[in-house]
Amino acid sequence: MNDAKKYGITVRFGVYDGDECFEARIAELPNVAEYADSFEEAYELALDTIATTAVMLAEQGRSMPAPAQPADDYSGRVTLRLPKSLHRGLACKAEDEGVSLNSMLVSVLSAFRGFDAALTETNDEWHTMCTPETKTMLSAGSKVVPIGQYAKTGAWQ
């Protein structure tokens, strides 16, 4: 049997069905969620669920999904083609900030990845941090756009 600690378990605090608690999810068992009052308890429940699921599947003659292996095939290198105007604008901003264009692009993409997660994670504190009624985001060209508008259209209009 696989070691339950090798499975992709995530635990986070949030509000679920109106209650503040910790939710544990298992990447290899996407339909499973465990809830508890503490991080440790949620994690332990997830470990127990993995073991119990393995036993149940074995009794049914089915196999337990193997723990996912981390993706090591990403080099961290990306070739990117940009419109000349966007390239110029980013290069100028990087120069103004005193950083390389690469550093500027990493910062912009990292910030957007956090913003993107805020739009999709609605069961925890990310949702309350980025509600359309309370937050705005600065787009290219210094145009202020409500997050709700971006969430609906997917574009900075």
N, C-alpha and C. Protein backbone atom coordinates (compact mmCIF):
# COMPACT_ATOMS: atom_id res chain seq x y z
N MET A 1 0.84 -1.19 0.00
CA MET A 1 0.00 0.00 0.00
C MET A 1 0.88 1.25 0.00
N ASN A 2 0.41 2.29 -0.64
CA ASN A 2 1.14 3.55 -0.70
C ASN A 2 1.11 4.26 0.64
N ASP A 3 2.18 5.00 0.91
CA ASP A 3 2.25 5.81 2.12
C ASP A 3 1.31 7.01 1.96
N ALA A 4 0.35 7.15 2.85
CA ALA A 4 -0.66 8.23 2.74
C ALA A 4 -0.02 9.61 2.75
N LYS A 5 1.13 9.75 3.39
CA LYS A 5 1.79 11.07 3.46
C LYS A 5 2.40 11.49 2.13
N LYS A 6 2.45 10.58 1.16
CA LYS A 6 2.99 10.92 -0.16
C LYS A 6 1.93 11.51 -1.08
N TYR A 7 0.68 11.51 -0.64
CA TYR A 7 -0.41 12.05 -1.46
C TYR A 7 -0.44 13.58 -1.36
N GLY A 8 -1.02 14.21 -2.35
CA GLY A 8 -1.11 15.67 -2.41
C GLY A 8 -2.23 16.19 -1.53
N ILE A 9 -1.93 16.44 -0.28
CA ILE A 9 -2.93 16.93 0.67
C ILE A 9 -2.74 18.43 0.85
N THR A 10 -3.83 19.17 0.67
CA THR A 10 -3.80 20.60 0.97
C THR A 10 -4.80 20.87 2.08
N VAL A 11 -4.39 21.71 3.00
CA VAL A 11 -5.26 22.10 4.11
C VAL A 11 -5.29 23.61 4.15
N ARG A 12 -6.49 24.16 4.23
CA ARG A 12 -6.60 25.62 4.33
C ARG A 12 -7.79 25.99 5.19
N PHE A 13 -7.69 27.16 5.77
CA PHE A 13 -8.75 27.69 6.62
C PHE A 13 -9.72 28.48 5.76
N GLY A 14 -11.00 28.36 6.07
CA GLY A 14 -12.00 29.11 5.32
C GLY A 14 -13.36 28.98 5.96
N VAL A 15 -14.35 29.52 5.28
CA VAL A 15 -15.73 29.41 5.71
C VAL A 15 -16.42 28.43 4.77
N TYR A 16 -16.90 27.34 5.32
CA TYR A 16 -17.55 26.28 4.55
C TYR A 16 -18.93 26.02 5.15
N ASP A 17 -19.93 26.17 4.32
CA ASP A 17 -21.32 26.01 4.77
C ASP A 17 -21.61 26.85 6.01
N GLY A 18 -21.04 28.06 6.03
CA GLY A 18 -21.30 29.00 7.11
C GLY A 18 -20.45 28.81 8.36
N ASP A 19 -19.59 27.81 8.37
CA ASP A 19 -18.73 27.56 9.54
C ASP A 19 -17.27 27.80 9.21
N GLU A 20 -16.55 28.45 10.12
CA GLU A 20 -15.11 28.62 9.96
C GLU A 20 -14.43 27.33 10.40
N CYS A 21 -13.63 26.77 9.51
CA CYS A 21 -12.93 25.52 9.84
C CYS A 21 -11.80 25.30 8.84
N PHE A 22 -11.10 24.20 9.02
CA PHE A 22 -10.03 23.82 8.11
C PHE A 22 -10.56 22.74 7.17
N GLU A 23 -10.25 22.90 5.88
CA GLU A 23 -10.65 21.92 4.87
C GLU A 23 -9.40 21.23 4.36
N ALA A 24 -9.43 19.90 4.33
CA ALA A 24 -8.34 19.12 3.76
C ALA A 24 -8.84 18.49 2.46
N ARG A 25 -8.05 18.63 1.41
CA ARG A 25 -8.37 18.02 0.11
C ARG A 25 -7.20 17.16 -0.32
N ILE A 26 -7.52 16.13 -1.10
CA ILE A 26 -6.52 15.20 -1.59
C ILE A 26 -6.55 15.27 -3.12
N ALA A 27 -5.45 15.69 -3.71
CA ALA A 27 -5.40 15.91 -5.16
C ALA A 27 -5.76 14.65 -5.94
N GLU A 28 -5.32 13.50 -5.48
CA GLU A 28 -5.57 12.26 -6.20
C GLU A 28 -6.99 11.73 -6.00
N LEU A 29 -7.70 12.27 -5.03
CA LEU A 29 -9.11 11.91 -4.76
C LEU A 29 -9.92 13.20 -4.77
N PRO A 30 -10.19 13.75 -5.94
CA PRO A 30 -10.77 15.09 -6.05
C PRO A 30 -12.16 15.27 -5.44
N ASN A 31 -12.87 14.19 -5.22
CA ASN A 31 -14.22 14.31 -4.64
C ASN A 31 -14.22 14.20 -3.13
N VAL A 32 -13.04 14.15 -2.52
CA VAL A 32 -12.93 13.99 -1.08
C VAL A 32 -12.56 15.31 -0.43
N ALA A 33 -13.28 15.64 0.64
CA ALA A 33 -12.94 16.80 1.47
C ALA A 33 -13.22 16.43 2.91
N GLU A 34 -12.31 16.80 3.79
CA GLU A 34 -12.47 16.57 5.22
C GLU A 34 -12.44 17.92 5.92
N TYR A 35 -13.23 18.08 6.96
CA TYR A 35 -13.33 19.35 7.68
C TYR A 35 -13.05 19.13 9.16
N ALA A 36 -12.33 20.09 9.77
CA ALA A 36 -11.99 19.96 11.19
C ALA A 36 -11.75 21.35 11.78
N ASP A 37 -11.66 21.38 13.10
CA ASP A 37 -11.43 22.64 13.81
C ASP A 37 -9.97 23.07 13.83
N SER A 38 -9.04 22.14 13.53
CA SER A 38 -7.62 22.51 13.52
C SER A 38 -6.97 21.97 12.25
N PHE A 39 -5.86 22.59 11.90
CA PHE A 39 -5.07 22.15 10.75
C PHE A 39 -4.66 20.70 10.91
N GLU A 40 -4.13 20.38 12.08
CA GLU A 40 -3.62 19.04 12.35
C GLU A 40 -4.73 17.99 12.23
N GLU A 41 -5.89 18.29 12.79
CA GLU A 41 -7.01 17.35 12.74
C GLU A 41 -7.47 17.13 11.30
N ALA A 42 -7.55 18.18 10.51
CA ALA A 42 -7.95 18.05 9.11
C ALA A 42 -6.94 17.20 8.34
N TYR A 43 -5.66 17.43 8.60
CA TYR A 43 -4.61 16.65 7.94
C TYR A 43 -4.71 15.18 8.32
N GLU A 44 -4.89 14.91 9.60
CA GLU A 44 -5.02 13.52 10.07
C GLU A 44 -6.25 12.85 9.47
N LEU A 45 -7.35 13.58 9.37
CA LEU A 45 -8.56 13.03 8.74
C LEU A 45 -8.29 12.67 7.28
N ALA A 46 -7.53 13.50 6.58
CA ALA A 46 -7.18 13.22 5.19
C ALA A 46 -6.34 11.96 5.09
N LEU A 47 -5.36 11.80 5.99
CA LEU A 47 -4.54 10.59 6.00
C LEU A 47 -5.41 9.36 6.24
N ASP A 48 -6.32 9.46 7.19
CA ASP A 48 -7.22 8.35 7.50
C ASP A 48 -8.11 8.03 6.29
N THR A 49 -8.58 9.05 5.61
CA THR A 49 -9.43 8.85 4.44
C THR A 49 -8.68 8.13 3.33
N ILE A 50 -7.41 8.47 3.14
CA ILE A 50 -6.60 7.80 2.13
C ILE A 50 -6.48 6.31 2.46
N ALA A 51 -6.16 6.00 3.72
CA ALA A 51 -6.03 4.60 4.14
C ALA A 51 -7.35 3.86 4.00
N THR A 52 -8.44 4.47 4.44
CA THR A 52 -9.76 3.85 4.36
C THR A 52 -10.18 3.63 2.92
N THR A 53 -9.93 4.61 2.06
CA THR A 53 -10.27 4.49 0.64
C THR A 53 -9.49 3.36 -0.01
N ALA A 54 -8.21 3.23 0.34
CA ALA A 54 -7.38 2.16 -0.22
C ALA A 54 -7.94 0.79 0.16
N VAL A 55 -8.35 0.63 1.42
CA VAL A 55 -8.92 -0.64 1.88
C VAL A 55 -10.23 -0.93 1.15
N MET A 56 -11.10 0.07 1.05
CA MET A 56 -12.39 -0.11 0.38
C MET A 56 -12.22 -0.48 -1.09
N LEU A 57 -11.31 0.21 -1.76
CA LEU A 57 -11.08 -0.08 -3.18
C LEU A 57 -10.50 -1.48 -3.36
N ALA A 58 -9.59 -1.89 -2.46
CA ALA A 58 -9.01 -3.23 -2.53
C ALA A 58 -10.09 -4.30 -2.35
N GLU A 59 -11.02 -4.07 -1.42
CA GLU A 59 -12.13 -5.00 -1.20
C GLU A 59 -13.01 -5.13 -2.43
N GLN A 60 -13.08 -4.07 -3.23
CA GLN A 60 -13.88 -4.07 -4.46
C GLN A 60 -13.08 -4.56 -5.67
N GLY A 61 -11.83 -4.90 -5.44
CA GLY A 61 -10.99 -5.35 -6.53
C GLY A 61 -10.49 -4.22 -7.42
N ARG A 62 -10.54 -3.02 -6.90
CA ARG A 62 -10.08 -1.85 -7.65
C ARG A 62 -8.78 -1.35 -7.05
N SER A 63 -8.05 -0.60 -7.84
CA SER A 63 -6.76 -0.09 -7.35
C SER A 63 -6.87 1.36 -6.89
N MET A 64 -6.08 1.66 -5.92
CA MET A 64 -6.00 3.02 -5.38
C MET A 64 -5.13 3.87 -6.31
N PRO A 65 -5.55 5.10 -6.62
CA PRO A 65 -4.68 5.96 -7.43
C PRO A 65 -3.33 6.15 -6.73
N ALA A 66 -2.28 6.10 -7.49
CA ALA A 66 -0.94 6.30 -6.93
C ALA A 66 -0.75 7.78 -6.59
N PRO A 67 0.13 8.07 -5.63
CA PRO A 67 0.42 9.47 -5.34
C PRO A 67 0.98 10.16 -6.58
N ALA A 68 0.54 11.37 -6.83
CA ALA A 68 1.03 12.13 -7.98
C ALA A 68 2.50 12.48 -7.79
N GLN A 69 3.24 12.41 -8.85
CA GLN A 69 4.65 12.76 -8.81
C GLN A 69 4.80 14.24 -9.16
N PRO A 70 5.63 14.96 -8.44
CA PRO A 70 5.83 16.37 -8.77
C PRO A 70 6.37 16.52 -10.20
N ALA A 71 5.88 17.52 -10.88
CA ALA A 71 6.33 17.77 -12.24
C ALA A 71 7.71 18.40 -12.21
N ASP A 72 8.69 17.66 -12.70
CA ASP A 72 10.05 18.17 -12.75
C ASP A 72 10.45 18.56 -14.17
N ASP A 73 9.48 18.54 -15.08
CA ASP A 73 9.81 18.80 -16.47
C ASP A 73 9.64 20.27 -16.86
N TYR A 74 9.58 21.16 -15.89
CA TYR A 74 9.50 22.58 -16.17
C TYR A 74 10.86 23.22 -15.92
N SER A 75 11.41 23.82 -16.94
CA SER A 75 12.75 24.38 -16.83
C SER A 75 12.76 25.77 -16.21
N GLY A 76 11.59 26.44 -16.21
CA GLY A 76 11.56 27.82 -15.76
C GLY A 76 11.88 28.80 -16.87
N ARG A 77 12.06 28.29 -18.05
CA ARG A 77 12.40 29.12 -19.21
C ARG A 77 11.22 29.12 -20.17
N VAL A 78 10.81 30.32 -20.59
CA VAL A 78 9.70 30.48 -21.52
C VAL A 78 10.10 31.50 -22.58
N THR A 79 9.86 31.15 -23.84
CA THR A 79 10.06 32.12 -24.92
C THR A 79 8.71 32.77 -25.18
N LEU A 80 8.70 34.07 -25.22
CA LEU A 80 7.45 34.80 -25.29
C LEU A 80 7.51 35.85 -26.40
N ARG A 81 6.51 35.89 -27.24
CA ARG A 81 6.40 36.92 -28.28
C ARG A 81 5.36 37.93 -27.82
N LEU A 82 5.72 39.20 -27.85
CA LEU A 82 4.85 40.28 -27.41
C LEU A 82 4.65 41.29 -28.54
N PRO A 83 3.52 41.96 -28.52
CA PRO A 83 3.40 43.11 -29.43
C PRO A 83 4.49 44.13 -29.07
N LYS A 84 5.01 44.82 -30.07
CA LYS A 84 6.09 45.78 -29.83
C LYS A 84 5.71 46.83 -28.80
N SER A 85 4.47 47.29 -28.85
CA SER A 85 4.05 48.34 -27.90
C SER A 85 4.05 47.82 -26.46
N LEU A 86 3.63 46.57 -26.26
CA LEU A 86 3.65 46.00 -24.91
C LEU A 86 5.08 45.79 -24.45
N HIS A 87 5.93 45.29 -25.34
CA HIS A 87 7.34 45.10 -25.02
C HIS A 87 7.98 46.42 -24.59
N ARG A 88 7.72 47.48 -25.38
CA ARG A 88 8.26 48.80 -25.08
C ARG A 88 7.76 49.29 -23.72
N GLY A 89 6.45 49.16 -23.49
CA GLY A 89 5.88 49.63 -22.24
C GLY A 89 6.45 48.91 -21.02
N LEU A 90 6.58 47.60 -21.12
CA LEU A 90 7.15 46.82 -20.01
C LEU A 90 8.63 47.15 -19.80
N ALA A 91 9.36 47.31 -20.90
CA ALA A 91 10.78 47.65 -20.79
C ALA A 91 10.96 49.02 -20.14
N CYS A 92 10.13 49.98 -20.52
CA CYS A 92 10.20 51.32 -19.93
C CYS A 92 9.87 51.28 -18.44
N LYS A 93 8.84 50.53 -18.08
CA LYS A 93 8.45 50.41 -16.67
C LYS A 93 9.56 49.74 -15.87
N ALA A 94 10.18 48.71 -16.42
CA ALA A 94 11.28 48.03 -15.74
C ALA A 94 12.44 49.00 -15.52
N GLU A 95 12.74 49.78 -16.55
CA GLU A 95 13.82 50.77 -16.43
C GLU A 95 13.49 51.81 -15.35
N ASP A 96 12.23 52.28 -15.34
CA ASP A 96 11.80 53.24 -14.32
C ASP A 96 11.96 52.67 -12.91
N GLU A 97 11.70 51.38 -12.77
CA GLU A 97 11.77 50.72 -11.46
C GLU A 97 13.21 50.29 -11.12
N GLY A 98 14.10 50.34 -12.10
CA GLY A 98 15.49 49.95 -11.87
C GLY A 98 15.68 48.45 -11.78
N VAL A 99 14.85 47.70 -12.51
CA VAL A 99 14.97 46.24 -12.52
C VAL A 99 15.06 45.77 -13.97
N SER A 100 15.45 44.51 -14.14
CA SER A 100 15.52 43.95 -15.49
C SER A 100 14.12 43.69 -16.02
N LEU A 101 14.02 43.58 -17.32
CA LEU A 101 12.74 43.25 -17.94
C LEU A 101 12.27 41.88 -17.45
N ASN A 102 13.19 40.93 -17.31
CA ASN A 102 12.84 39.61 -16.81
C ASN A 102 12.23 39.70 -15.41
N SER A 103 12.85 40.48 -14.53
CA SER A 103 12.32 40.64 -13.17
C SER A 103 10.94 41.28 -13.18
N MET A 104 10.76 42.25 -14.06
CA MET A 104 9.46 42.91 -14.17
C MET A 104 8.40 41.90 -14.62
N LEU A 105 8.71 41.09 -15.63
CA LEU A 105 7.75 40.10 -16.12
C LEU A 105 7.42 39.06 -15.06
N VAL A 106 8.41 38.62 -14.31
CA VAL A 106 8.16 37.65 -13.23
C VAL A 106 7.25 38.27 -12.18
N SER A 107 7.49 39.52 -11.82
CA SER A 107 6.64 40.21 -10.84
C SER A 107 5.21 40.35 -11.33
N VAL A 108 5.05 40.76 -12.59
CA VAL A 108 3.71 40.94 -13.15
C VAL A 108 2.97 39.60 -13.20
N LEU A 109 3.64 38.56 -13.68
CA LEU A 109 2.99 37.25 -13.77
C LEU A 109 2.68 36.67 -12.39
N SER A 110 3.57 36.88 -11.43
CA SER A 110 3.32 36.40 -10.07
C SER A 110 2.13 37.12 -9.46
N ALA A 111 2.07 38.41 -9.65
CA ALA A 111 0.94 39.19 -9.11
C ALA A 111 -0.35 38.75 -9.77
N PHE A 112 -0.33 38.54 -11.08
CA PHE A 112 -1.55 38.11 -11.75
C PHE A 112 -1.96 36.72 -11.29
N ARG A 113 -1.01 35.82 -11.07
CA ARG A 113 -1.35 34.47 -10.63
C ARG A 113 -2.08 34.53 -9.29
N GLY A 114 -1.65 35.40 -8.39
CA GLY A 114 -2.36 35.57 -7.13
C GLY A 114 -3.73 36.17 -7.35
N PHE A 115 -3.84 37.12 -8.26
CA PHE A 115 -5.12 37.74 -8.58
C PHE A 115 -6.05 36.72 -9.20
N ASP A 116 -5.52 35.92 -10.12
CA ASP A 116 -6.31 34.88 -10.78
C ASP A 116 -6.85 33.89 -9.75
N ALA A 117 -6.02 33.50 -8.79
CA ALA A 117 -6.47 32.58 -7.74
C ALA A 117 -7.58 33.22 -6.91
N ALA A 118 -7.48 34.52 -6.69
CA ALA A 118 -8.52 35.21 -5.91
C ALA A 118 -9.86 35.16 -6.62
N LEU A 119 -9.84 35.18 -7.94
CA LEU A 119 -11.10 35.13 -8.69
C LEU A 119 -11.72 33.74 -8.67
N THR A 120 -10.90 32.70 -8.54
CA THR A 120 -11.42 31.34 -8.63
C THR A 120 -11.65 30.69 -7.28
N GLU A 121 -10.98 31.14 -6.24
CA GLU A 121 -11.13 30.54 -4.91
C GLU A 121 -12.21 31.30 -4.16
N THR A 122 -13.41 30.75 -4.10
CA THR A 122 -14.52 31.46 -3.48
C THR A 122 -14.91 30.91 -2.12
N ASN A 123 -14.24 29.86 -1.64
CA ASN A 123 -14.62 29.26 -0.37
C ASN A 123 -13.73 29.64 0.79
N ASP A 124 -12.92 30.67 0.63
CA ASP A 124 -12.03 31.03 1.73
C ASP A 124 -11.77 32.53 1.74
N GLU A 125 -10.73 32.92 2.49
CA GLU A 125 -10.46 34.34 2.65
C GLU A 125 -10.09 35.06 1.36
N TRP A 126 -9.66 34.35 0.31
CA TRP A 126 -9.36 35.01 -0.96
C TRP A 126 -10.59 35.73 -1.49
N HIS A 127 -11.74 35.12 -1.34
CA HIS A 127 -12.97 35.71 -1.87
C HIS A 127 -13.27 37.03 -1.18
N THR A 128 -13.13 37.07 0.12
CA THR A 128 -13.45 38.30 0.83
C THR A 128 -12.41 39.39 0.58
N MET A 129 -11.18 38.99 0.22
CA MET A 129 -10.16 39.98 -0.08
C MET A 129 -10.42 40.68 -1.40
N CYS A 130 -11.05 39.99 -2.34
CA CYS A 130 -11.21 40.52 -3.68
C CYS A 130 -12.66 40.52 -4.13
N THR A 131 -13.55 41.02 -3.32
CA THR A 131 -14.93 41.11 -3.76
C THR A 131 -15.07 42.26 -4.73
N PRO A 132 -15.90 42.12 -5.75
CA PRO A 132 -16.04 43.19 -6.76
C PRO A 132 -16.48 44.52 -6.15
N GLU A 133 -17.22 44.47 -5.05
CA GLU A 133 -17.73 45.71 -4.47
C GLU A 133 -16.64 46.53 -3.78
N THR A 134 -15.56 45.86 -3.34
CA THR A 134 -14.58 46.57 -2.52
C THR A 134 -13.23 46.78 -3.18
N LYS A 135 -12.92 46.06 -4.23
CA LYS A 135 -11.57 46.13 -4.78
C LYS A 135 -11.58 46.61 -6.23
N THR A 136 -10.52 47.28 -6.60
CA THR A 136 -10.30 47.63 -7.99
C THR A 136 -8.89 47.23 -8.35
N MET A 137 -8.63 47.13 -9.62
CA MET A 137 -7.30 46.75 -10.09
C MET A 137 -6.87 47.76 -11.14
N LEU A 138 -5.60 48.11 -11.11
CA LEU A 138 -5.06 49.04 -12.09
C LEU A 138 -4.64 48.27 -13.32
N SER A 139 -5.13 48.64 -14.47
CA SER A 139 -4.76 47.95 -15.71
C SER A 139 -3.68 48.73 -16.42
N ALA A 140 -3.22 48.15 -17.54
CA ALA A 140 -2.24 48.84 -18.37
C ALA A 140 -2.84 50.17 -18.81
N GLY A 141 -2.06 51.19 -18.83
CA GLY A 141 -2.55 52.50 -19.22
C GLY A 141 -3.21 53.24 -18.07
N SER A 142 -3.06 52.73 -16.85
CA SER A 142 -3.58 53.38 -15.64
C SER A 142 -5.09 53.56 -15.64
N LYS A 143 -5.80 52.67 -16.29
CA LYS A 143 -7.25 52.70 -16.27
C LYS A 143 -7.73 51.82 -15.11
N VAL A 144 -8.53 52.36 -14.22
CA VAL A 144 -9.02 51.59 -13.08
C VAL A 144 -10.25 50.81 -13.51
N VAL A 145 -10.21 49.50 -13.28
CA VAL A 145 -11.28 48.61 -13.69
C VAL A 145 -11.75 47.81 -12.48
N PRO A 146 -13.06 47.77 -12.20
CA PRO A 146 -13.54 46.95 -11.09
C PRO A 146 -13.22 45.48 -11.32
N ILE A 147 -12.82 44.78 -10.28
CA ILE A 147 -12.50 43.37 -10.39
C ILE A 147 -13.70 42.59 -10.92
N GLY A 148 -14.89 42.94 -10.50
CA GLY A 148 -16.08 42.25 -10.97
C GLY A 148 -16.21 42.29 -12.47
N GLN A 149 -15.84 43.43 -13.07
CA GLN A 149 -15.90 43.55 -14.53
C GLN A 149 -14.90 42.59 -15.17
N TYR A 150 -13.68 42.53 -14.59
CA TYR A 150 -12.69 41.62 -15.13
C TYR A 150 -13.17 40.17 -14.99
N ALA A 151 -13.75 39.84 -13.82
CA ALA A 151 -14.21 38.48 -13.57
C ALA A 151 -15.27 38.05 -14.59
N LYS A 152 -16.12 38.98 -15.01
CA LYS A 152 -17.18 38.66 -15.96
C LYS A 152 -16.66 38.55 -17.38
N THR A 153 -15.77 39.46 -17.77
CA THR A 153 -15.35 39.54 -19.17
C THR A 153 -14.00 38.89 -19.43
N GLY A 154 -13.16 38.79 -18.40
CA GLY A 154 -11.82 38.25 -18.60
C GLY A 154 -10.89 39.22 -19.32
N ALA A 155 -11.29 40.48 -19.40
CA ALA A 155 -10.47 41.46 -20.10
C ALA A 155 -10.49 42.79 -19.36
N TRP A 156 -9.43 43.54 -19.52
CA TRP A 156 -9.33 44.88 -18.93
C TRP A 156 -9.92 45.86 -19.93
N GLN A 157 -11.22 46.06 -19.87
CA GLN A 157 -11.88 46.96 -20.84
C GLN A 157 -12.21 48.27 -20.20
